[in-house]
Amino acid sequence: MLTLEQIEDAILKLTPDEFEKLLKWIADLDYQRWDEQLERDIVDGKLEASAQEAIADFEKDILK
C-alpha cells in the first residue's frame, strides 16, 4: 500500500487532464460515502428529531 506522501507525490505529477479526472473521481466517491452515511443515519433514527422539527416549522408557517 502506498503512503500518503507517495500518493501526494504522484498527484503532483499528474497532467492537468489526469488531475481533473482524479478530482471528479474523488468528488463522486465523497458524494457516494456521504449518501451512504445519510442512509445509515436515517435507518438508525438519528435524523428523526430534526425531521419532526422541520415538519412542525412547516406546519406552523402554513397555518399562519
C-alpha atoms as a PDB file:
ATOM      1  CA  MET A   1       0.000   0.000   0.000  1.00  0.00           C
ATOM      2  CA  LEU A   2       1.231   3.468  -0.809  1.00  0.00           C
ATOM      3  CA  THR A   3       1.857   6.002   1.894  1.00  0.00           C
ATOM      4  CA  LEU A   4       0.027   9.310   1.878  1.00  0.00           C
ATOM      5  CA  GLU A   5       3.298  11.009   0.987  1.00  0.00           C
ATOM      6  CA  GLN A   6       3.711   8.748  -2.059  1.00  0.00           C
ATOM      7  CA  ILE A   7       0.149   9.444  -3.143  1.00  0.00           C
ATOM      8  CA  GLU A   8       0.647  13.200  -2.773  1.00  0.00           C
ATOM      9  CA  ASP A   9       3.853  12.998  -4.832  1.00  0.00           C
ATOM     10  CA  ALA A  10       2.064  11.030  -7.554  1.00  0.00           C
ATOM     11  CA  ILE A  11      -0.770  13.564  -7.642  1.00  0.00           C
ATOM     12  CA  LEU A  12       1.698  16.388  -8.171  1.00  0.00           C
ATOM     13  CA  LYS A  13       2.998  14.557 -11.259  1.00  0.00           C
ATOM     14  CA  LEU A  14      -0.419  14.206 -12.918  1.00  0.00           C
ATOM     15  CA  THR A  15      -1.211  16.025 -16.133  1.00  0.00           C
ATOM     16  CA  PRO A  16      -3.985  18.614 -15.875  1.00  0.00           C
ATOM     17  CA  ASP A  17      -6.400  16.172 -17.563  1.00  0.00           C
ATOM     18  CA  GLU A  18      -5.498  13.349 -15.187  1.00  0.00           C
ATOM     19  CA  PHE A  19      -5.830  15.698 -12.224  1.00  0.00           C
ATOM     20  CA  GLU A  20      -9.293  16.768 -13.379  1.00  0.00           C
ATOM     21  CA  LYS A  21     -10.353  13.116 -13.679  1.00  0.00           C
ATOM     22  CA  LEU A  22      -8.989  12.420 -10.192  1.00  0.00           C
ATOM     23  CA  LEU A  23     -10.919  15.368  -8.756  1.00  0.00           C
ATOM     24  CA  LYS A  24     -14.139  14.116 -10.336  1.00  0.00           C
ATOM     25  CA  TRP A  25     -13.499  10.597  -9.026  1.00  0.00           C
ATOM     26  CA  ILE A  26     -12.859  11.910  -5.506  1.00  0.00           C
ATOM     27  CA  ALA A  27     -15.956  14.110  -5.613  1.00  0.00           C
ATOM     28  CA  ASP A  28     -18.088  11.175  -6.793  1.00  0.00           C
ATOM     29  CA  LEU A  29     -16.637   8.913  -4.091  1.00  0.00           C
ATOM     30  CA  ASP A  30     -17.210  11.566  -1.432  1.00  0.00           C
ATOM     31  CA  TYR A  31     -20.834  12.001  -2.533  1.00  0.00           C
ATOM     32  CA  GLN A  32     -21.381   8.227  -2.511  1.00  0.00           C
ATOM     33  CA  ARG A  33     -19.959   7.887   1.008  1.00  0.00           C
ATOM     34  CA  TRP A  34     -21.978  10.885   2.233  1.00  0.00           C
ATOM     35  CA  ASP A  35     -25.131   9.383   0.739  1.00  0.00           C
ATOM     36  CA  GLU A  36     -24.427   6.015   2.377  1.00  0.00           C
ATOM     37  CA  GLN A  37     -23.856   7.698   5.754  1.00  0.00           C
ATOM     38  CA  LEU A  38     -27.086   9.666   5.391  1.00  0.00           C
ATOM     39  CA  GLU A  39     -28.989   6.465   4.630  1.00  0.00           C
ATOM     40  CA  ARG A  40     -27.474   4.775   7.719  1.00  0.00           C
ATOM     41  CA  ASP A  41     -28.384   7.792   9.860  1.00  0.00           C
ATOM     42  CA  ILE A  42     -31.976   7.673   8.597  1.00  0.00           C
ATOM     43  CA  VAL A  43     -32.273   3.936   9.310  1.00  0.00           C
ATOM     44  CA  ASP A  44     -30.749   4.445  12.767  1.00  0.00           C
ATOM     45  CA  GLY A  45     -33.270   7.223  13.511  1.00  0.00           C
ATOM     46  CA  LYS A  46     -30.567   9.836  14.013  1.00  0.00           C
ATOM     47  CA  LEU A  47     -32.453  12.384  11.913  1.00  0.00           C
ATOM     48  CA  GLU A  48     -35.899  11.826  13.393  1.00  0.00           C
ATOM     49  CA  ALA A  49     -35.783  14.801  15.780  1.00  0.00           C
ATOM     50  CA  SER A  50     -34.622  17.133  13.008  1.00  0.00           C
ATOM     51  CA  ALA A  51     -37.319  15.830  10.677  1.00  0.00           C
ATOM     52  CA  GLN A  52     -40.033  16.340  13.281  1.00  0.00           C
ATOM     53  CA  GLU A  53     -38.785  19.870  13.972  1.00  0.00           C
ATOM     54  CA  ALA A  54     -38.810  20.690  10.246  1.00  0.00           C
ATOM     55  CA  ILE A  55     -42.339  19.315   9.871  1.00  0.00           C
ATOM     56  CA  ALA A  56     -43.535  21.331  12.878  1.00  0.00           C
ATOM     57  CA  ASP A  57     -41.967  24.520  11.494  1.00  0.00           C
ATOM     58  CA  PHE A  58     -43.520  23.875   8.092  1.00  0.00           C
ATOM     59  CA  GLU A  59     -46.954  23.284   9.582  1.00  0.00           C
ATOM     60  CA  LYS A  60     -46.665  26.393  11.756  1.00  0.00           C
ATOM     61  CA  ASP A  61     -45.815  28.516   8.704  1.00  0.00           C
ATOM     62  CA  ILE A  62     -48.679  27.034   6.683  1.00  0.00           C
ATOM     63  CA  LEU A  63     -51.233  27.676   9.439  1.00  0.00           C
ATOM     64  CA  LYS A  64     -50.315  31.357   9.851  1.00  0.00           C
END
